[in-house]
N, C-alpha and C. Protein backbone atom coordinates (compact mmCIF):
# COMPACT_ATOMS: atom_id res chain seq x y z
N MET A 1 111.02 -186.20 -186.40
CA MET A 1 111.79 -186.48 -186.62
C MET A 1 111.97 -186.35 -187.83
N VAL A 2 113.06 -186.73 -188.41
CA VAL A 2 113.60 -186.73 -189.97
C VAL A 2 114.51 -187.26 -190.03
N ILE A 3 113.68 -187.34 -191.73
CA ILE A 3 113.86 -189.04 -191.65
C ILE A 3 115.36 -189.21 -192.84
N ARG A 4 115.89 -187.76 -193.20
CA ARG A 4 116.91 -187.88 -194.01
C ARG A 4 118.17 -187.93 -193.38
N TYR A 5 118.28 -189.10 -192.41
CA TYR A 5 119.32 -189.24 -191.67
C TYR A 5 119.55 -190.61 -191.31
N LEU A 6 118.24 -191.24 -192.17
CA LEU A 6 117.75 -192.57 -191.98
C LEU A 6 119.03 -193.40 -193.29
N PRO A 7 119.37 -194.50 -193.05
CA PRO A 7 119.51 -195.42 -194.25
C PRO A 7 118.54 -195.62 -194.96
N ARG A 8 119.16 -195.67 -196.48
CA ARG A 8 117.66 -195.82 -197.34
C ARG A 8 117.26 -197.37 -197.42
N ARG A 9 117.81 -198.18 -196.53
CA ARG A 9 117.12 -199.48 -196.86
C ARG A 9 115.61 -199.46 -195.79
N ILE A 10 115.57 -198.88 -194.56
CA ILE A 10 114.01 -198.50 -194.11
C ILE A 10 113.78 -197.14 -194.91
N SER A 11 112.31 -198.45 -194.80
CA SER A 11 111.14 -197.13 -195.87
C SER A 11 110.16 -196.42 -194.58
N LEU A 12 109.25 -195.59 -195.48
CA LEU A 12 108.52 -195.08 -194.00
C LEU A 12 107.08 -195.93 -194.45
N PRO A 13 107.32 -197.34 -194.40
CA PRO A 13 105.52 -198.51 -193.71
C PRO A 13 106.31 -199.21 -193.28
N VAL A 14 107.61 -198.51 -192.47
CA VAL A 14 108.92 -199.41 -191.79
C VAL A 14 108.85 -198.34 -190.44
N ILE A 15 108.78 -197.54 -190.94
CA ILE A 15 108.72 -196.20 -189.77
C ILE A 15 107.22 -196.20 -189.07
N ALA A 16 106.54 -196.68 -189.86
CA ALA A 16 105.56 -195.95 -189.86
C ALA A 16 104.85 -197.41 -188.28
N ALA A 17 104.66 -198.70 -189.04
CA ALA A 17 104.78 -199.95 -188.22
C ALA A 17 105.57 -199.55 -186.77
N LEU A 18 106.81 -199.24 -186.80
CA LEU A 18 107.11 -199.15 -185.68
C LEU A 18 106.66 -198.03 -184.74
N SER A 19 106.28 -197.31 -185.08
CA SER A 19 105.41 -195.34 -184.18
C SER A 19 104.59 -196.13 -184.18
N CYS A 20 103.86 -197.49 -184.77
CA CYS A 20 102.65 -198.00 -183.95
C CYS A 20 103.03 -198.79 -182.94
N LEU A 21 104.16 -199.93 -182.71
CA LEU A 21 104.25 -200.40 -182.01
C LEU A 21 104.91 -199.65 -180.37
N ALA A 22 105.06 -198.57 -180.87
CA ALA A 22 105.42 -198.15 -179.82
C ALA A 22 104.68 -196.81 -178.55
N LEU A 23 102.77 -197.45 -179.43
CA LEU A 23 101.76 -196.10 -178.68
C LEU A 23 101.78 -197.10 -177.85
N PRO A 24 101.11 -198.33 -177.20
CA PRO A 24 100.73 -199.03 -176.63
C PRO A 24 101.89 -198.63 -175.11
N PHE A 25 103.69 -198.22 -175.51
CA PHE A 25 104.49 -198.56 -174.29
C PHE A 25 103.89 -196.63 -173.62
N GLY A 26 103.51 -195.66 -174.82
CA GLY A 26 103.53 -194.37 -174.57
C GLY A 26 101.86 -194.45 -173.36
N ALA A 27 101.14 -195.05 -173.70
CA ALA A 27 100.10 -195.24 -172.98
C ALA A 27 99.88 -195.74 -171.88
N GLN A 28 101.07 -196.62 -171.27
CA GLN A 28 101.57 -197.27 -170.20
C GLN A 28 102.50 -195.35 -169.30
N ALA A 29 103.03 -195.19 -170.16
CA ALA A 29 103.63 -193.86 -169.03
C ALA A 29 103.15 -193.10 -168.57
N GLU A 30 101.93 -192.71 -169.45
CA GLU A 30 101.06 -191.56 -168.88
C GLU A 30 100.02 -192.19 -167.90
N ASP A 31 99.54 -193.44 -168.04
CA ASP A 31 98.87 -194.66 -166.66
C ASP A 31 100.05 -194.15 -165.53
N ALA A 32 101.32 -193.99 -165.33
CA ALA A 32 101.83 -194.49 -164.61
C ALA A 32 102.15 -193.06 -163.93
N GLY A 33 102.02 -191.66 -164.13
CA GLY A 33 101.64 -190.84 -162.82
C GLY A 33 99.93 -190.51 -163.03
N LYS A 34 98.95 -191.33 -162.56
CA LYS A 34 98.21 -191.34 -162.00
C LYS A 34 98.04 -191.83 -161.19
N PRO A 35 97.57 -191.46 -159.89
CA PRO A 35 97.23 -192.39 -158.03
C PRO A 35 97.06 -194.07 -158.48
N GLN A 36 97.66 -194.89 -158.11
CA GLN A 36 97.08 -196.24 -158.55
C GLN A 36 96.20 -196.54 -157.54
N ASP A 37 95.16 -197.69 -157.34
CA ASP A 37 94.70 -198.52 -155.61
C ASP A 37 95.08 -199.25 -155.77
N SER A 38 95.83 -198.43 -154.28
CA SER A 38 96.95 -199.79 -154.12
C SER A 38 96.77 -200.37 -152.89
N ALA A 39 97.85 -200.55 -152.27
CA ALA A 39 98.13 -200.46 -150.30
C ALA A 39 97.91 -199.36 -150.03
N GLY A 40 99.28 -198.51 -150.43
CA GLY A 40 99.22 -196.99 -149.77
C GLY A 40 98.30 -196.18 -149.92
N GLU A 41 97.26 -196.28 -151.22
CA GLU A 41 95.86 -195.66 -150.93
C GLU A 41 94.42 -196.17 -150.35
N ALA A 42 94.44 -197.65 -150.04
CA ALA A 42 93.58 -198.02 -148.93
C ALA A 42 93.99 -197.30 -147.42
N GLU A 43 95.71 -196.96 -146.72
CA GLU A 43 95.81 -196.84 -146.22
C GLU A 43 95.52 -194.79 -146.22
N LEU A 44 95.91 -194.37 -147.31
CA LEU A 44 95.27 -192.83 -146.95
C LEU A 44 93.95 -192.68 -146.81
N ALA A 45 93.69 -193.54 -147.79
CA ALA A 45 91.69 -193.42 -147.30
C ALA A 45 91.04 -193.35 -145.70
N ARG A 46 91.73 -194.51 -145.86
CA ARG A 46 91.81 -195.09 -144.00
C ARG A 46 91.91 -193.81 -143.42
N LEU A 47 93.41 -193.10 -143.49
CA LEU A 47 93.92 -191.90 -141.92
C LEU A 47 92.51 -190.91 -142.50
N LEU A 48 92.35 -190.80 -143.50
CA LEU A 48 91.39 -189.50 -143.32
C LEU A 48 89.97 -189.92 -143.59
N GLU A 49 89.44 -190.99 -143.51
CA GLU A 49 88.07 -190.71 -143.15
C GLU A 49 87.74 -190.06 -141.97
N GLY A 50 86.71 -189.41 -141.99
CA GLY A 50 85.76 -188.62 -141.42
C GLY A 50 86.76 -187.13 -141.09
N ARG A 51 87.47 -186.35 -142.14
CA ARG A 51 88.00 -185.19 -142.35
C ARG A 51 87.94 -184.42 -143.43
N THR A 52 87.82 -183.06 -143.89
CA THR A 52 86.86 -182.17 -144.67
C THR A 52 88.62 -182.36 -145.22
N LYS A 53 88.30 -182.18 -146.46
CA LYS A 53 89.40 -181.41 -147.21
C LYS A 53 89.24 -180.28 -147.47
N GLY A 54 91.03 -179.32 -146.60
CA GLY A 54 91.28 -177.71 -146.41
C GLY A 54 92.10 -177.33 -148.20
N GLU A 55 91.87 -175.92 -148.27
CA GLU A 55 92.22 -174.98 -149.17
C GLU A 55 93.53 -176.00 -149.18
N PRO A 56 94.65 -176.50 -150.36
CA PRO A 56 96.03 -176.06 -150.36
C PRO A 56 97.48 -174.54 -149.23
N GLN A 57 97.91 -175.56 -149.46
CA GLN A 57 98.88 -174.91 -148.38
C GLN A 57 100.39 -174.98 -149.35
N GLY A 58 101.03 -173.58 -149.84
CA GLY A 58 102.52 -174.06 -150.30
C GLY A 58 103.85 -174.40 -149.24
N CYS A 59 103.63 -174.33 -147.65
CA CYS A 59 104.17 -174.38 -146.82
C CYS A 59 104.02 -175.01 -145.77
N LEU A 60 105.34 -175.60 -145.26
CA LEU A 60 104.68 -176.02 -142.89
C LEU A 60 105.55 -175.23 -142.75
N ARG A 61 105.08 -174.91 -141.41
CA ARG A 61 106.16 -174.07 -140.16
C ARG A 61 106.46 -175.72 -139.32
N ASP A 62 108.17 -175.61 -139.43
CA ASP A 62 108.40 -176.57 -137.88
C ASP A 62 107.33 -177.61 -137.02
N SER A 63 106.59 -176.89 -136.51
CA SER A 63 105.81 -176.99 -136.36
C SER A 63 104.32 -178.10 -136.39
N GLN A 64 104.10 -177.82 -137.20
CA GLN A 64 103.17 -178.20 -137.94
C GLN A 64 103.37 -179.85 -138.39
N ARG A 65 105.34 -179.89 -138.76
CA ARG A 65 105.60 -181.27 -139.29
C ARG A 65 106.57 -182.03 -137.95
N ARG A 66 105.91 -182.00 -136.78
CA ARG A 66 107.25 -182.44 -136.11
C ARG A 66 106.44 -184.32 -135.64
N SER A 67 105.61 -184.80 -136.31
CA SER A 67 104.90 -186.33 -136.55
C SER A 67 104.90 -186.29 -137.95
N MET A 68 105.16 -187.33 -138.44
CA MET A 68 105.32 -187.62 -140.05
C MET A 68 105.66 -189.17 -140.58
N GLU A 69 104.71 -189.07 -141.02
CA GLU A 69 104.93 -190.72 -141.63
C GLU A 69 104.53 -190.85 -143.35
N VAL A 70 105.47 -191.75 -143.96
CA VAL A 70 105.50 -191.93 -145.00
C VAL A 70 104.67 -193.23 -145.37
N ILE A 71 103.36 -193.18 -146.82
CA ILE A 71 103.45 -193.65 -146.79
C ILE A 71 103.18 -194.86 -148.04
N ASP A 72 104.01 -195.87 -148.62
CA ASP A 72 104.51 -196.71 -149.63
C ASP A 72 103.59 -196.05 -150.90
N ARG A 73 104.49 -195.19 -151.67
CA ARG A 73 104.89 -195.41 -153.23
C ARG A 73 103.38 -194.76 -152.95
N THR A 74 102.84 -194.17 -151.94
CA THR A 74 101.88 -192.38 -152.27
C THR A 74 101.75 -191.45 -151.95
N ALA A 75 102.38 -191.10 -150.59
CA ALA A 75 102.55 -189.66 -149.89
C ALA A 75 103.29 -189.22 -148.66
N PHE A 76 103.73 -188.55 -148.35
CA PHE A 76 103.60 -188.12 -146.63
C PHE A 76 102.69 -187.59 -145.82
N VAL A 77 102.57 -187.80 -144.73
CA VAL A 77 101.73 -187.68 -144.20
C VAL A 77 102.11 -186.66 -142.86
N PHE A 78 101.23 -185.58 -142.09
CA PHE A 78 102.33 -184.79 -141.41
C PHE A 78 101.06 -184.90 -140.69
N ARG A 79 101.44 -185.06 -138.99
CA ARG A 79 99.93 -184.87 -138.21
C ARG A 79 100.56 -183.21 -137.44
N ASP A 80 99.39 -182.20 -136.93
CA ASP A 80 99.09 -181.13 -136.15
C ASP A 80 98.24 -181.09 -135.49
N GLY A 81 98.14 -181.73 -134.09
CA GLY A 81 96.70 -181.77 -133.67
C GLY A 81 95.85 -183.01 -134.51
N ASP A 82 94.82 -181.75 -134.70
CA ASP A 82 93.99 -182.74 -135.36
C ASP A 82 93.24 -182.67 -137.20
N THR A 83 94.62 -181.83 -137.61
CA THR A 83 94.59 -182.03 -138.75
C THR A 83 96.41 -182.60 -139.11
N ILE A 84 95.01 -183.43 -140.58
CA ILE A 84 96.92 -183.30 -141.29
C ILE A 84 97.20 -182.87 -142.68
N TYR A 85 97.95 -182.97 -142.86
CA TYR A 85 98.71 -182.35 -144.39
C TYR A 85 99.14 -183.63 -144.51
N VAL A 86 98.46 -183.79 -146.19
CA VAL A 86 99.46 -185.11 -147.03
C VAL A 86 99.79 -184.24 -148.20
N ASN A 87 101.31 -184.79 -148.98
CA ASN A 87 102.03 -184.41 -149.72
C ASN A 87 101.96 -185.38 -150.41
N ARG A 88 101.81 -185.22 -152.23
CA ARG A 88 101.91 -186.61 -152.62
C ARG A 88 102.86 -185.39 -153.64
N PRO A 89 103.84 -186.18 -153.44
CA PRO A 89 105.21 -185.52 -154.33
C PRO A 89 105.64 -186.23 -155.39
N GLU A 90 106.07 -185.40 -156.51
CA GLU A 90 106.58 -186.18 -157.43
C GLU A 90 107.62 -187.07 -157.69
N GLY A 91 107.29 -188.43 -158.14
CA GLY A 91 108.12 -189.34 -158.00
C GLY A 91 107.51 -190.32 -156.66
N ALA A 92 106.36 -190.44 -156.30
CA ALA A 92 106.18 -190.60 -155.31
C ALA A 92 106.28 -192.66 -155.36
N THR A 93 106.02 -192.53 -156.65
CA THR A 93 105.87 -195.00 -156.35
C THR A 93 107.27 -194.97 -155.45
N PHE A 94 107.98 -193.83 -155.40
CA PHE A 94 109.37 -194.70 -154.99
C PHE A 94 109.33 -194.48 -153.22
N LEU A 95 108.12 -194.03 -152.87
CA LEU A 95 108.51 -193.73 -151.18
C LEU A 95 108.39 -195.24 -150.98
N ASP A 96 108.59 -195.08 -149.51
CA ASP A 96 109.03 -196.55 -149.09
C ASP A 96 109.92 -196.62 -147.67
N GLN A 97 108.32 -197.02 -146.59
CA GLN A 97 108.51 -197.04 -145.06
C GLN A 97 109.88 -197.02 -144.54
N PHE A 98 110.63 -197.69 -145.87
CA PHE A 98 112.09 -198.09 -144.58
C PHE A 98 112.93 -197.72 -145.28
N ASP A 99 112.74 -196.46 -146.19
CA ASP A 99 113.92 -195.24 -147.02
C ASP A 99 113.92 -193.78 -145.52
N VAL A 100 115.20 -193.63 -145.48
CA VAL A 100 114.92 -192.50 -144.43
C VAL A 100 115.03 -191.27 -145.32
N PRO A 101 113.93 -189.91 -145.40
CA PRO A 101 113.12 -189.01 -145.82
C PRO A 101 114.16 -188.21 -145.52
N VAL A 102 115.66 -187.50 -146.54
CA VAL A 102 116.73 -186.38 -145.98
C VAL A 102 115.89 -185.49 -146.44
N PHE A 103 115.21 -184.16 -145.77
CA PHE A 103 114.23 -182.81 -146.26
C PHE A 103 115.72 -182.07 -147.03
N ARG A 104 115.82 -181.04 -148.48
CA ARG A 104 116.51 -180.44 -148.31
C ARG A 104 115.77 -179.07 -148.18
N VAL A 105 115.77 -178.40 -146.92
CA VAL A 105 115.06 -177.22 -146.97
C VAL A 105 116.36 -176.39 -147.16
N TYR A 106 115.08 -174.85 -147.77
CA TYR A 106 115.97 -173.52 -148.01
C TYR A 106 115.00 -172.87 -147.00
N GLY A 107 115.25 -172.80 -145.87
CA GLY A 107 114.28 -171.76 -145.08
C GLY A 107 113.88 -172.62 -143.58
N SER A 108 113.24 -172.30 -143.53
CA SER A 108 113.05 -173.03 -141.59
C SER A 108 111.53 -173.41 -141.90
N ASP A 109 110.79 -173.60 -143.35
CA ASP A 109 109.54 -174.00 -143.77
C ASP A 109 109.49 -175.17 -144.47
N VAL A 110 109.16 -176.43 -144.63
CA VAL A 110 109.15 -177.20 -145.29
C VAL A 110 108.24 -176.42 -146.54
N CYS A 111 108.66 -176.47 -148.08
CA CYS A 111 107.60 -176.18 -148.70
C CYS A 111 107.70 -176.36 -149.85
N ARG A 112 106.51 -176.49 -150.98
CA ARG A 112 106.46 -177.05 -152.67
C ARG A 112 107.64 -177.05 -153.19
N LEU A 113 108.10 -177.64 -153.85
CA LEU A 113 109.16 -178.01 -155.20
C LEU A 113 110.52 -178.21 -153.94
N ASP A 114 110.50 -178.60 -152.80
CA ASP A 114 111.43 -179.09 -152.19
C ASP A 114 111.95 -179.61 -152.53
N GLN A 115 113.26 -180.58 -152.16
CA GLN A 115 113.88 -182.46 -152.63
C GLN A 115 113.55 -183.00 -151.54
N VAL A 116 113.40 -184.07 -151.87
CA VAL A 116 113.22 -184.94 -150.56
C VAL A 116 114.48 -186.00 -150.87
N GLU A 117 115.82 -186.38 -150.73
CA GLU A 117 116.59 -188.02 -150.99
C GLU A 117 115.74 -189.28 -149.92
N LEU A 118 115.35 -190.51 -150.84
CA LEU A 118 115.76 -191.58 -149.77
C LEU A 118 116.61 -192.18 -149.73
N ARG A 119 117.20 -192.52 -148.46
CA ARG A 119 118.81 -192.85 -148.40
C ARG A 119 117.90 -194.33 -147.58
N SER A 120 118.64 -195.59 -148.02
CA SER A 120 118.51 -196.57 -147.15
C SER A 120 118.98 -196.50 -146.44
N ARG A 121 117.76 -197.53 -145.49
CA ARG A 121 117.63 -197.51 -144.04
C ARG A 121 119.21 -197.72 -143.34
N THR A 122 119.75 -199.07 -144.71
CA THR A 122 120.27 -200.55 -143.77
C THR A 122 122.17 -199.90 -143.74
N SER A 123 122.02 -198.90 -145.34
CA SER A 123 123.48 -199.20 -145.96
C SER A 123 123.67 -197.22 -145.92
N GLY A 124 122.97 -196.35 -146.10
CA GLY A 124 123.25 -194.91 -145.26
C GLY A 124 122.67 -194.29 -147.69
N ILE A 125 122.91 -195.33 -147.90
CA ILE A 125 122.87 -194.57 -149.77
C ILE A 125 122.05 -194.24 -150.36
N GLY A 126 122.32 -193.11 -150.88
CA GLY A 126 121.63 -192.12 -151.13
C GLY A 126 120.38 -192.85 -152.15
N GLY A 127 119.33 -192.59 -152.88
CA GLY A 127 118.10 -193.28 -153.41
C GLY A 127 117.64 -191.91 -154.41
N PRO A 128 116.56 -192.60 -154.58
CA PRO A 128 115.99 -191.16 -155.35
C PRO A 128 115.35 -190.06 -154.66
N VAL A 129 115.20 -188.83 -155.32
CA VAL A 129 114.92 -187.88 -154.99
C VAL A 129 113.21 -187.46 -155.59
N VAL A 130 112.62 -187.02 -154.61
CA VAL A 130 110.94 -186.22 -154.95
C VAL A 130 111.25 -184.94 -154.83
N VAL A 131 110.36 -184.25 -155.46
CA VAL A 131 109.98 -183.13 -155.16
C VAL A 131 108.39 -182.94 -154.86
N LEU A 132 108.15 -182.19 -153.19
CA LEU A 132 107.09 -181.58 -152.29
C LEU A 132 106.08 -181.22 -153.85
N ASN A 133 105.03 -181.91 -153.39
CA ASN A 133 103.89 -180.79 -154.10
C ASN A 133 103.18 -179.61 -153.31
N ASP A 134 101.98 -179.21 -153.49
CA ASP A 134 101.36 -178.72 -151.96
C ASP A 134 101.01 -179.67 -150.69
N PHE A 135 100.41 -179.22 -149.89
CA PHE A 135 100.13 -179.33 -148.51
C PHE A 135 98.80 -179.70 -148.14
N ILE A 136 98.34 -180.60 -148.53
CA ILE A 136 96.77 -180.48 -148.19
C ILE A 136 96.40 -180.70 -146.87
N PRO A 137 95.29 -179.38 -146.73
CA PRO A 137 94.79 -179.83 -145.02
C PRO A 137 93.55 -180.51 -144.93
N TYR A 138 93.45 -181.88 -143.54
CA TYR A 138 92.44 -182.34 -143.76
C TYR A 138 92.43 -182.38 -142.28
N LYS A 139 91.09 -182.18 -142.73
CA LYS A 139 90.76 -181.50 -140.88
C LYS A 139 89.25 -182.43 -140.17
N ARG A 140 89.37 -183.16 -138.52
CA ARG A 140 88.47 -183.83 -137.84
C ARG A 140 87.41 -183.13 -138.36
N GLU A 141 86.30 -183.81 -138.81
CA GLU A 141 84.98 -182.63 -138.75
C GLU A 141 84.59 -182.98 -137.18
N LYS A 142 83.21 -182.00 -136.83
CA LYS A 142 82.95 -181.42 -135.78
C LYS A 142 82.29 -182.03 -135.07
N GLU A 143 81.69 -182.73 -134.36
CA GLU A 143 80.24 -183.17 -133.95
C GLU A 143 79.16 -181.54 -133.93
N PRO A 144 78.44 -181.48 -134.25
CA PRO A 144 77.34 -181.14 -133.66
C PRO A 144 77.04 -180.75 -132.72
N LYS A 145 76.30 -179.41 -131.44
CA LYS A 145 76.96 -180.13 -130.51
C LYS A 145 74.72 -179.55 -130.07
N GLN A 146 74.69 -180.53 -129.12
CA GLN A 146 73.55 -181.04 -129.15
C GLN A 146 72.68 -180.41 -127.65
């Protein structure tokens, strides 16, 4: 902060008081980036019951992403046989099952850092753009044979 450009009427105690008022808002901004316990989180937990988390993957091939579901304010879910791939993109709070995701794919695979524009289903107007993260596979646990 450069104080020399401030008018002389604003004193250092006033600046200190204003910065103290801004602290609670900064704390809220930090919490906004963390996943929240919401209906979307509960739905995702229900989908992942009985599954084991695997190693994150950077990309999904076309055959791995034929069936996709959007979980509100949480994640994209791709189904491939007994495996579910979960992608929690940057800006997941904008995800809405009523928007149409338009993937901007560079190549034949959907990869980490690809962008997804969320368009209004009714008007087709473009909305927010989210950026994909790693795809986390969850495989169904096999029951031991007796």
